[in-house]
Structures are given as C-alpha cells and as structure tokens.
Amino acid sequence: MIVIAVGSASFVLPRSRAMFLPAGVAHAVIAEGETMMLSTYVPVARCPLDWNDATVVDASGLVGELIVYLCRDHLDVVERVRAESVLWDVAMPMDVTTLPFPIPRDDRARAVADGVLADVTDNLSLAEWGRAVGASARTLARRFDDETGMSFAQWRTNARLAAALPMLGAGRSVQDVALAVGYGSPSAFVSAFKREIGSTPAEYFGRGR
C-alpha cells in the first residue's frame, strides 16, 4: 500500500486507486508493508489531460490493467501511444476526502495536539489536558477553533482516521484498526469513518465487491 504526500495532504492508494501527478508537482512516496509500486511516465506533449493538481483515479478496472501494460519495457512508441490514448479516455477522477488536522500555534494547544498525535488512542478531555498544560478547557477549545478551524473533538477524530487509513490499506481488519486508533467498537469507528470520509472502509478500499 502506497501513501503519497502532496503539500499538506496525504493520499492512501490501495491497489484499486492510482494517482495522476502533473509534471513539476513535488511529492513524497511512502510504502507501507510489502508493496510494489508501478509508475508510468508520459511526455507532457502526449498528455491531453488538463488536470493541474494531483488527482486520484479509479484503478480497479481497465485503468489499472493499462498502467501494468505501460510499465512493460519492451513496448515500442506506437504501442505505447495507442495504450496511452485509451488510458486518457477511461481515466476518471475519484472524489476523495482529505483529513486536515493543522497544528495550533498556541504553545498549550500545540502540546495537546502533539500528545494526541503521539497516542491517538488518548481519550483525555480538554479539562484534563488543561490541567497538564496549564490552560482552561475553554481557552484550549477557543485555540483549536480559532487556529485549526475545527473543534478539538473534530480535530482528534481527523487525526485518528488519518492514522487508521494506512492500517486499513495494509489489510488490517476494521476491528483491529478501530481499537488501535482509540475507538471502543468497530461500529463506532465505521460510523465516524463514513461520516467524515463519505463511505465505509470496505467501500473506500474497494473490498467486498
């Protein structure tokens, strides 16, 4: 399973997904577990797509097979151009949900954020965190609202789901992942996942079809 980081966003790419990266877009690739990554490079002049940003593409069908085909090293130019022309016709962008959890600037709120990221199973309330960092729950809540654009509860949910995505992509069960990121039950985890990402884990990773 591959994780591609582009700017402040990270995209989890199981076998059913691919990513189109325009020329010049800076990115980093992280491999989780035993992974084979296939990449095909196309001259800008041969690419008719006008996508200016990194774009996730459904690779569960013909797109995935075409990428495998284009990675063969014995193709001549005619064969390659012909396959590329089909790829452009069938490549379809997928709607994806990014999970932002910006770090607050306030030192006390940042200490809370760092603590949660160090252990996403943390269930301390803001009042309990406040006693540890020297701030009231109200002050911390205001700092998260003002400096991250979301409540502390929403921020922690996003941090947990972001930690869960690579685990799910690596094939771990929903039950194991739910417990690993701090949820008391798989149903609570699936509910949060669907609410924030718009699909169940099985739907997101193209399993159970």
C-alpha atoms as a PDB file:
ATOM      1  CA  MET A   1       0.000   0.000   0.000  1.00  0.00           C
ATOM      2  CA  ILE A   2       1.315   3.421  -1.026  1.00  0.00           C
ATOM      3  CA  VAL A   3       0.894   6.783   0.675  1.00  0.00           C
ATOM      4  CA  ILE A   4       1.649   9.818  -1.492  1.00  0.00           C
ATOM      5  CA  ALA A   5       2.122  13.164   0.222  1.00  0.00           C
ATOM      6  CA  VAL A   6       1.474  16.281  -1.856  1.00  0.00           C
ATOM      7  CA  GLY A   7       1.825  19.545   0.031  1.00  0.00           C
ATOM      8  CA  SER A   8      -0.027  19.180   3.333  1.00  0.00           C
ATOM      9  CA  ALA A   9      -2.285  16.372   2.058  1.00  0.00           C
ATOM     10  CA  SER A  10      -1.603  12.638   2.135  1.00  0.00           C
ATOM     11  CA  PHE A  11      -3.368  10.129  -0.101  1.00  0.00           C
ATOM     12  CA  VAL A  12      -3.640   6.426   0.691  1.00  0.00           C
ATOM     13  CA  LEU A  13      -3.537   4.390  -2.529  1.00  0.00           C
ATOM     14  CA  PRO A  14      -4.519   0.728  -2.312  1.00  0.00           C
ATOM     15  CA  ARG A  15      -4.472  -1.436  -5.455  1.00  0.00           C
ATOM     16  CA  SER A  16      -7.845  -0.023  -6.541  1.00  0.00           C
ATOM     17  CA  ARG A  17      -6.542   3.550  -6.802  1.00  0.00           C
ATOM     18  CA  ALA A  18      -3.884   5.399  -8.756  1.00  0.00           C
ATOM     19  CA  MET A  19      -2.699   8.985  -8.808  1.00  0.00           C
ATOM     20  CA  PHE A  20      -2.118  11.316 -11.737  1.00  0.00           C
ATOM     21  CA  LEU A  21       0.729  13.706 -10.970  1.00  0.00           C
ATOM     22  CA  PRO A  22       1.282  16.625 -13.362  1.00  0.00           C
ATOM     23  CA  ALA A  23       4.846  17.461 -14.273  1.00  0.00           C
ATOM     24  CA  GLY A  24       6.613  19.520 -11.647  1.00  0.00           C
ATOM     25  CA  VAL A  25       4.356  18.640  -8.698  1.00  0.00           C
ATOM     26  CA  ALA A  26       6.540  17.959  -5.665  1.00  0.00           C
ATOM     27  CA  HIS A  27       5.543  14.832  -3.793  1.00  0.00           C
ATOM     28  CA  ALA A  28       6.813  12.131  -1.477  1.00  0.00           C
ATOM     29  CA  VAL A  29       6.059   8.414  -1.597  1.00  0.00           C
ATOM     30  CA  ILE A  30       5.820   6.167   1.450  1.00  0.00           C
ATOM     31  CA  ALA A  31       5.454   2.393   1.115  1.00  0.00           C
ATOM     32  CA  GLU A  32       3.639   0.504   3.861  1.00  0.00           C
ATOM     33  CA  GLY A  33       4.387  -3.210   4.205  1.00  0.00           C
ATOM     34  CA  GLU A  34       5.215  -5.376   1.186  1.00  0.00           C
ATOM     35  CA  THR A  35       4.396  -3.115  -1.730  1.00  0.00           C
ATOM     36  CA  MET A  36       5.024  -2.970  -5.450  1.00  0.00           C
ATOM     37  CA  MET A  37       4.651   0.477  -6.977  1.00  0.00           C
ATOM     38  CA  LEU A  38       4.095   0.860 -10.721  1.00  0.00           C
ATOM     39  CA  SER A  39       4.710   4.224 -12.368  1.00  0.00           C
ATOM     40  CA  THR A  40       4.353   5.220 -15.986  1.00  0.00           C
ATOM     41  CA  TYR A  41       5.844   8.471 -17.236  1.00  0.00           C
ATOM     42  CA  VAL A  42       4.342  10.307 -20.198  1.00  0.00           C
ATOM     43  CA  PRO A  43       5.798  13.310 -22.037  1.00  0.00           C
ATOM     44  CA  VAL A  44       3.712  16.413 -21.422  1.00  0.00           C
ATOM     45  CA  ALA A  45       3.116  16.822 -25.155  1.00  0.00           C
ATOM     46  CA  ARG A  46       1.404  13.398 -25.272  1.00  0.00           C
ATOM     47  CA  CYS A  47      -0.933  14.016 -22.336  1.00  0.00           C
ATOM     48  CA  PRO A  48      -4.243  15.705 -23.214  1.00  0.00           C
ATOM     49  CA  LEU A  49      -5.498  15.883 -19.632  1.00  0.00           C
ATOM     50  CA  ASP A  50      -5.729  19.419 -18.280  1.00  0.00           C
ATOM     51  CA  TRP A  51      -5.578  18.377 -14.628  1.00  0.00           C
ATOM     52  CA  ASN A  52      -3.323  20.845 -12.820  1.00  0.00           C
ATOM     53  CA  ASP A  53      -3.361  19.137  -9.426  1.00  0.00           C
ATOM     54  CA  ALA A  54      -2.572  15.695  -8.107  1.00  0.00           C
ATOM     55  CA  THR A  55      -5.672  13.647  -8.882  1.00  0.00           C
ATOM     56  CA  VAL A  56      -6.759  10.259  -7.524  1.00  0.00           C
ATOM     57  CA  VAL A  57      -8.046   7.916 -10.237  1.00  0.00           C
ATOM     58  CA  ASP A  58     -10.108   4.731 -10.032  1.00  0.00           C
ATOM     59  CA  ALA A  59      -7.696   1.936 -10.958  1.00  0.00           C
ATOM     60  CA  SER A  60      -9.930  -1.022 -10.123  1.00  0.00           C
ATOM     61  CA  GLY A  61     -10.665  -1.860 -13.773  1.00  0.00           C
ATOM     62  CA  LEU A  62      -9.113  -1.081 -17.138  1.00  0.00           C
ATOM     63  CA  VAL A  63      -7.030   1.836 -15.818  1.00  0.00           C
ATOM     64  CA  GLY A  64      -5.086  -0.480 -13.558  1.00  0.00           C
ATOM     65  CA  GLU A  65      -4.509  -3.001 -16.344  1.00  0.00           C
ATOM     66  CA  LEU A  66      -3.318  -0.263 -18.715  1.00  0.00           C
ATOM     67  CA  ILE A  67      -0.822   1.002 -16.142  1.00  0.00           C
ATOM     68  CA  VAL A  68       0.543  -2.531 -15.774  1.00  0.00           C
ATOM     69  CA  TYR A  69       0.768  -2.790 -19.564  1.00  0.00           C
ATOM     70  CA  LEU A  70       2.522   0.570 -19.922  1.00  0.00           C
ATOM     71  CA  CYS A  71       5.138  -0.459 -17.393  1.00  0.00           C
ATOM     72  CA  ARG A  72       6.446  -3.139 -19.759  1.00  0.00           C
ATOM     73  CA  ASP A  73       9.870  -2.207 -21.028  1.00  0.00           C
ATOM     74  CA  HIS A  74       9.577  -3.762 -24.480  1.00  0.00           C
ATOM     75  CA  LEU A  75       6.775  -1.562 -25.872  1.00  0.00           C
ATOM     76  CA  ASP A  76       7.589   0.441 -28.958  1.00  0.00           C
ATOM     77  CA  VAL A  77       6.406   4.023 -29.384  1.00  0.00           C
ATOM     78  CA  VAL A  78       3.357   3.091 -31.459  1.00  0.00           C
ATOM     79  CA  GLU A  79       2.175   0.519 -28.902  1.00  0.00           C
ATOM     80  CA  ARG A  80       2.762   2.925 -26.041  1.00  0.00           C
ATOM     81  CA  VAL A  81       0.921   5.854 -27.665  1.00  0.00           C
ATOM     82  CA  ARG A  82      -2.014   3.621 -28.539  1.00  0.00           C
ATOM     83  CA  ALA A  83      -2.342   2.384 -24.953  1.00  0.00           C
ATOM     84  CA  GLU A  84      -1.933   5.904 -23.575  1.00  0.00           C
ATOM     85  CA  SER A  85      -4.789   7.167 -25.763  1.00  0.00           C
ATOM     86  CA  VAL A  86      -7.090   4.546 -24.241  1.00  0.00           C
ATOM     87  CA  LEU A  87      -5.872   5.433 -20.747  1.00  0.00           C
ATOM     88  CA  TRP A  88      -6.821   9.099 -21.220  1.00  0.00           C
ATOM     89  CA  ASP A  89     -10.300   8.033 -22.329  1.00  0.00           C
ATOM     90  CA  VAL A  90     -11.013   5.788 -19.347  1.00  0.00           C
ATOM     91  CA  ALA A  91      -9.193   7.614 -16.522  1.00  0.00           C
ATOM     92  CA  MET A  92     -11.845   9.001 -14.205  1.00  0.00           C
ATOM     93  CA  PRO A  93     -11.080  11.225 -11.203  1.00  0.00           C
ATOM     94  CA  MET A  94     -12.369   9.991  -7.869  1.00  0.00           C
ATOM     95  CA  ASP A  95     -13.864  12.194  -5.198  1.00  0.00           C
ATOM     96  CA  VAL A  96     -11.602  11.973  -2.177  1.00  0.00           C
ATOM     97  CA  THR A  97     -11.858  13.473   1.260  1.00  0.00           C
ATOM     98  CA  THR A  98      -8.730  14.850   2.843  1.00  0.00           C
ATOM     99  CA  LEU A  99      -8.491  14.870   6.605  1.00  0.00           C
ATOM    100  CA  PRO A 100      -6.873  18.097   7.716  1.00  0.00           C
ATOM    101  CA  PHE A 101      -5.629  18.406  11.258  1.00  0.00           C
ATOM    102  CA  PRO A 102      -3.421  21.521  11.297  1.00  0.00           C
ATOM    103  CA  ILE A 103      -1.314  22.056  14.400  1.00  0.00           C
ATOM    104  CA  PRO A 104      -2.423  25.038  16.508  1.00  0.00           C
ATOM    105  CA  ARG A 105       0.095  27.823  17.058  1.00  0.00           C
ATOM    106  CA  ASP A 106      -0.596  28.381  20.751  1.00  0.00           C
ATOM    107  CA  ASP A 107       2.035  26.543  22.788  1.00  0.00           C
ATOM    108  CA  ARG A 108      -0.505  24.981  25.141  1.00  0.00           C
ATOM    109  CA  ALA A 109      -2.862  23.823  22.404  1.00  0.00           C
ATOM    110  CA  ARG A 110       0.118  22.575  20.412  1.00  0.00           C
ATOM    111  CA  ALA A 111       1.193  20.472  23.385  1.00  0.00           C
ATOM    112  CA  VAL A 112      -2.272  18.900  23.400  1.00  0.00           C
ATOM    113  CA  ALA A 113      -2.106  18.240  19.661  1.00  0.00           C
ATOM    114  CA  ASP A 114       1.355  16.716  19.946  1.00  0.00           C
ATOM    115  CA  GLY A 115       0.141  14.495  22.776  1.00  0.00           C
ATOM    116  CA  VAL A 116      -2.794  13.220  20.741  1.00  0.00           C
ATOM    117  CA  LEU A 117      -0.634  12.559  17.674  1.00  0.00           C
ATOM    118  CA  ALA A 118       1.821  10.648  19.851  1.00  0.00           C
ATOM    119  CA  ASP A 119      -1.044   8.421  21.018  1.00  0.00           C
ATOM    120  CA  VAL A 120      -4.277   8.696  19.022  1.00  0.00           C
ATOM    121  CA  THR A 121      -5.996   6.364  21.495  1.00  0.00           C
ATOM    122  CA  ASP A 122      -5.904   9.230  24.009  1.00  0.00           C
ATOM    123  CA  ASN A 123      -9.335   9.972  25.475  1.00  0.00           C
ATOM    124  CA  LEU A 124      -8.482  12.807  27.872  1.00  0.00           C
ATOM    125  CA  SER A 125     -10.982  15.640  27.974  1.00  0.00           C
ATOM    126  CA  LEU A 126      -9.886  19.207  27.343  1.00  0.00           C
ATOM    127  CA  ALA A 127     -10.266  19.879  31.057  1.00  0.00           C
ATOM    128  CA  GLU A 128      -7.852  17.034  31.821  1.00  0.00           C
ATOM    129  CA  TRP A 129      -5.449  18.231  29.154  1.00  0.00           C
ATOM    130  CA  GLY A 130      -5.783  21.752  30.522  1.00  0.00           C
ATOM    131  CA  ARG A 131      -4.502  20.669  33.918  1.00  0.00           C
ATOM    132  CA  ALA A 132      -1.492  19.117  32.205  1.00  0.00           C
ATOM    133  CA  VAL A 133      -0.604  22.120  30.018  1.00  0.00           C
ATOM    134  CA  GLY A 134      -1.729  24.976  32.285  1.00  0.00           C
ATOM    135  CA  ALA A 135      -4.825  26.278  30.486  1.00  0.00           C
ATOM    136  CA  SER A 136      -8.557  26.114  30.990  1.00  0.00           C
ATOM    137  CA  ALA A 137     -10.717  23.870  28.838  1.00  0.00           C
ATOM    138  CA  ARG A 138     -12.428  26.975  27.458  1.00  0.00           C
ATOM    139  CA  THR A 139      -9.105  28.521  26.417  1.00  0.00           C
ATOM    140  CA  LEU A 140      -7.958  25.343  24.710  1.00  0.00           C
ATOM    141  CA  ALA A 141     -11.291  24.948  22.937  1.00  0.00           C
ATOM    142  CA  ARG A 142     -11.042  28.516  21.653  1.00  0.00           C
ATOM    143  CA  ARG A 143      -7.479  27.995  20.458  1.00  0.00           C
ATOM    144  CA  PHE A 144      -8.441  24.881  18.486  1.00  0.00           C
ATOM    145  CA  ASP A 145     -11.465  26.650  16.984  1.00  0.00           C
ATOM    146  CA  ASP A 146      -9.513  29.775  16.037  1.00  0.00           C
ATOM    147  CA  GLU A 147      -6.231  28.210  14.930  1.00  0.00           C
ATOM    148  CA  THR A 148      -7.317  24.953  13.260  1.00  0.00           C
ATOM    149  CA  GLY A 149     -10.812  25.847  12.082  1.00  0.00           C
ATOM    150  CA  MET A 150     -12.379  22.925  13.912  1.00  0.00           C
ATOM    151  CA  SER A 151     -13.331  21.831  17.387  1.00  0.00           C
ATOM    152  CA  PHE A 152     -10.946  19.718  19.419  1.00  0.00           C
ATOM    153  CA  ALA A 153     -13.285  16.723  19.066  1.00  0.00           C
ATOM    154  CA  GLN A 154     -13.316  17.086  15.271  1.00  0.00           C
ATOM    155  CA  TRP A 155      -9.549  17.572  15.207  1.00  0.00           C
ATOM    156  CA  ARG A 156      -8.969  14.400  17.224  1.00  0.00           C
ATOM    157  CA  THR A 157     -11.380  12.443  15.006  1.00  0.00           C
ATOM    158  CA  ASN A 158      -9.468  13.527  11.896  1.00  0.00           C
ATOM    159  CA  ALA A 159      -6.151  12.600  13.494  1.00  0.00           C
ATOM    160  CA  ARG A 160      -7.483   9.156  14.359  1.00  0.00           C
ATOM    161  CA  LEU A 161      -8.901   8.498  10.910  1.00  0.00           C
ATOM    162  CA  ALA A 162      -5.701   9.684   9.250  1.00  0.00           C
ATOM    163  CA  ALA A 163      -3.787   7.190  11.405  1.00  0.00           C
ATOM    164  CA  ALA A 164      -6.298   4.472  10.520  1.00  0.00           C
ATOM    165  CA  LEU A 165      -6.084   4.820   6.726  1.00  0.00           C
ATOM    166  CA  PRO A 166      -2.599   3.300   6.271  1.00  0.00           C
ATOM    167  CA  MET A 167      -3.520   0.419   8.595  1.00  0.00           C
ATOM    168  CA  LEU A 168      -6.667  -0.333   6.615  1.00  0.00           C
ATOM    169  CA  GLY A 169      -4.769  -0.017   3.353  1.00  0.00           C
ATOM    170  CA  ALA A 170      -2.267  -2.578   4.614  1.00  0.00           C
ATOM    171  CA  GLY A 171      -5.115  -5.062   5.086  1.00  0.00           C
ATOM    172  CA  ARG A 172      -5.666  -4.937   8.848  1.00  0.00           C
ATOM    173  CA  SER A 173      -9.195  -5.715   9.977  1.00  0.00           C
ATOM    174  CA  VAL A 174     -11.649  -2.972  10.877  1.00  0.00           C
ATOM    175  CA  GLN A 175     -11.858  -4.342  14.398  1.00  0.00           C
ATOM    176  CA  ASP A 176      -8.087  -4.224  14.915  1.00  0.00           C
ATOM    177  CA  VAL A 177      -7.792  -0.736  13.439  1.00  0.00           C
ATOM    178  CA  ALA A 178     -10.728   0.617  15.439  1.00  0.00           C
ATOM    179  CA  LEU A 179      -9.071  -0.428  18.692  1.00  0.00           C
ATOM    180  CA  ALA A 180      -5.640   0.738  17.519  1.00  0.00           C
ATOM    181  CA  VAL A 181      -6.860   4.306  16.980  1.00  0.00           C
ATOM    182  CA  GLY A 182      -8.944   4.646  20.118  1.00  0.00           C
ATOM    183  CA  TYR A 183     -12.484   3.563  19.285  1.00  0.00           C
ATOM    184  CA  GLY A 184     -14.379   1.354  21.716  1.00  0.00           C
ATOM    185  CA  SER A 185     -16.075  -0.668  18.994  1.00  0.00           C
ATOM    186  CA  PRO A 186     -15.813  -1.310  15.251  1.00  0.00           C
ATOM    187  CA  SER A 187     -19.305   0.135  14.732  1.00  0.00           C
ATOM    188  CA  ALA A 188     -18.313   3.456  16.299  1.00  0.00           C
ATOM    189  CA  PHE A 189     -15.223   3.573  14.097  1.00  0.00           C
ATOM    190  CA  VAL A 190     -17.148   2.729  10.908  1.00  0.00           C
ATOM    191  CA  SER A 191     -19.746   5.378  11.779  1.00  0.00           C
ATOM    192  CA  ALA A 192     -17.055   8.057  12.188  1.00  0.00           C
ATOM    193  CA  PHE A 193     -15.280   6.903   9.024  1.00  0.00           C
ATOM    194  CA  LYS A 194     -18.459   7.086   6.951  1.00  0.00           C
ATOM    195  CA  ARG A 195     -19.446  10.453   8.427  1.00  0.00           C
ATOM    196  CA  GLU A 196     -16.108  12.096   7.668  1.00  0.00           C
ATOM    197  CA  ILE A 197     -14.993  10.296   4.522  1.00  0.00           C
ATOM    198  CA  GLY A 198     -18.355   9.516   2.950  1.00  0.00           C
ATOM    199  CA  SER A 199     -18.046   5.738   2.651  1.00  0.00           C
ATOM    200  CA  THR A 200     -17.363   2.707   4.778  1.00  0.00           C
ATOM    201  CA  PRO A 201     -13.795   1.386   4.998  1.00  0.00           C
ATOM    202  CA  ALA A 202     -14.734  -1.555   2.756  1.00  0.00           C
ATOM    203  CA  GLU A 203     -16.204   0.779   0.126  1.00  0.00           C
ATOM    204  CA  TYR A 204     -13.243   3.152   0.315  1.00  0.00           C
ATOM    205  CA  PHE A 205     -10.714   0.403  -0.321  1.00  0.00           C
ATOM    206  CA  GLY A 206     -12.833  -1.442  -2.886  1.00  0.00           C
ATOM    207  CA  ARG A 207     -13.241  -4.595  -0.814  1.00  0.00           C
ATOM    208  CA  GLY A 208     -16.178  -6.906  -0.572  1.00  0.00           C
ATOM    209  CA  ARG A 209     -17.299  -6.340  -4.164  1.00  0.00           C
END
